[in-house]
Amino acid sequence: MEVHQRNPTKVTTMKGPVSVVGLLGRLGVNRESVLVIRDGEIVPGDAMLADDAVVEIRPVISGGAVSS
């Protein structure tokens, strides 16, 4: 599996299948602080990722609109 991480940018190759939670555990990434995306869609924590999957891990950025 190819894992693309953002901020900092990094590409890692890992063996699958593995759950999203398992993948993040291997990478030492807090599940609550990122989104995992496969084929353009957000993947839930209990989803399995195949050995040939390409996934992206993006940090969650929260904020709100400024009212005027």
Protein backbone atom coordinates (compact mmCIF):
# COMPACT_ATOMS: atom_id res chain seq x y z
CA MET A 1 0.00 0.00 0.00
CA GLU A 2 1.17 3.50 -0.80
CA VAL A 3 0.50 6.09 1.91
CA HIS A 4 0.77 9.80 1.15
CA GLN A 5 0.98 12.01 4.21
CA ARG A 6 0.58 15.78 4.18
CA ASN A 7 2.14 18.37 6.40
CA PRO A 8 4.87 17.20 6.41
CA THR A 9 4.75 15.60 2.98
CA LYS A 10 5.91 11.99 3.02
CA VAL A 11 5.24 8.84 0.99
CA THR A 12 5.47 5.47 2.73
CA THR A 13 4.99 1.92 1.45
CA MET A 14 3.31 -0.49 3.89
CA LYS A 15 1.92 -4.03 3.73
CA GLY A 16 -1.83 -4.61 3.79
CA PRO A 17 -4.51 -5.53 4.34
CA VAL A 18 -4.85 -3.41 7.42
CA SER A 19 -7.62 -1.38 9.02
CA VAL A 20 -7.45 2.41 8.98
CA VAL A 21 -6.97 2.38 12.75
CA GLY A 22 -4.17 -0.20 12.38
CA LEU A 23 -2.46 1.84 9.67
CA LEU A 24 -2.54 4.99 11.77
CA GLY A 25 -1.22 3.05 14.75
CA ARG A 26 1.73 1.77 12.69
CA LEU A 27 2.46 5.34 11.61
CA GLY A 28 2.05 6.75 15.13
CA VAL A 29 -0.68 9.13 13.95
CA ASN A 30 -3.61 10.17 16.18
CA ARG A 31 -6.87 9.11 14.47
CA GLU A 32 -8.70 12.19 15.72
CA SER A 33 -6.27 14.59 14.05
CA VAL A 34 -6.43 13.29 10.46
CA LEU A 35 -8.67 12.24 7.59
CA VAL A 36 -7.86 9.11 5.61
CA ILE A 37 -8.83 9.31 1.95
CA ARG A 38 -8.96 6.48 -0.60
CA ASP A 39 -10.15 6.97 -4.19
CA GLY A 40 -11.29 10.50 -3.34
CA GLU A 41 -13.51 9.44 -0.42
CA ILE A 42 -13.03 9.66 3.34
CA VAL A 43 -12.53 6.19 4.82
CA PRO A 44 -13.95 5.26 8.27
CA GLY A 45 -11.66 3.87 10.96
CA ASP A 46 -12.97 0.31 10.75
CA ALA A 47 -12.52 0.04 6.95
CA MET A 48 -9.90 -2.35 5.62
CA LEU A 49 -7.22 -1.11 3.23
CA ALA A 50 -5.96 -3.59 0.64
CA ASP A 51 -2.28 -4.21 -0.06
CA ASP A 52 -2.61 -2.39 -3.41
CA ALA A 53 -4.51 0.63 -2.01
CA VAL A 54 -3.28 4.19 -2.41
CA VAL A 55 -4.36 6.37 0.50
CA GLU A 56 -3.80 9.93 1.58
CA ILE A 57 -3.64 11.12 5.17
CA ARG A 58 -4.54 14.79 5.65
CA PRO A 59 -4.47 16.75 8.90
CA VAL A 60 -7.84 18.01 10.11
CA ILE A 61 -8.08 21.76 10.11
CA SER A 62 -10.93 23.26 12.03
CA GLY A 63 -12.14 26.78 12.10
CA GLY A 64 -15.15 28.88 11.56
CA ALA A 65 -16.41 31.66 9.44
CA VAL A 66 -15.90 35.17 10.64
CA SER A 67 -19.21 37.00 10.95
CA SER A 68 -19.37 40.58 9.86
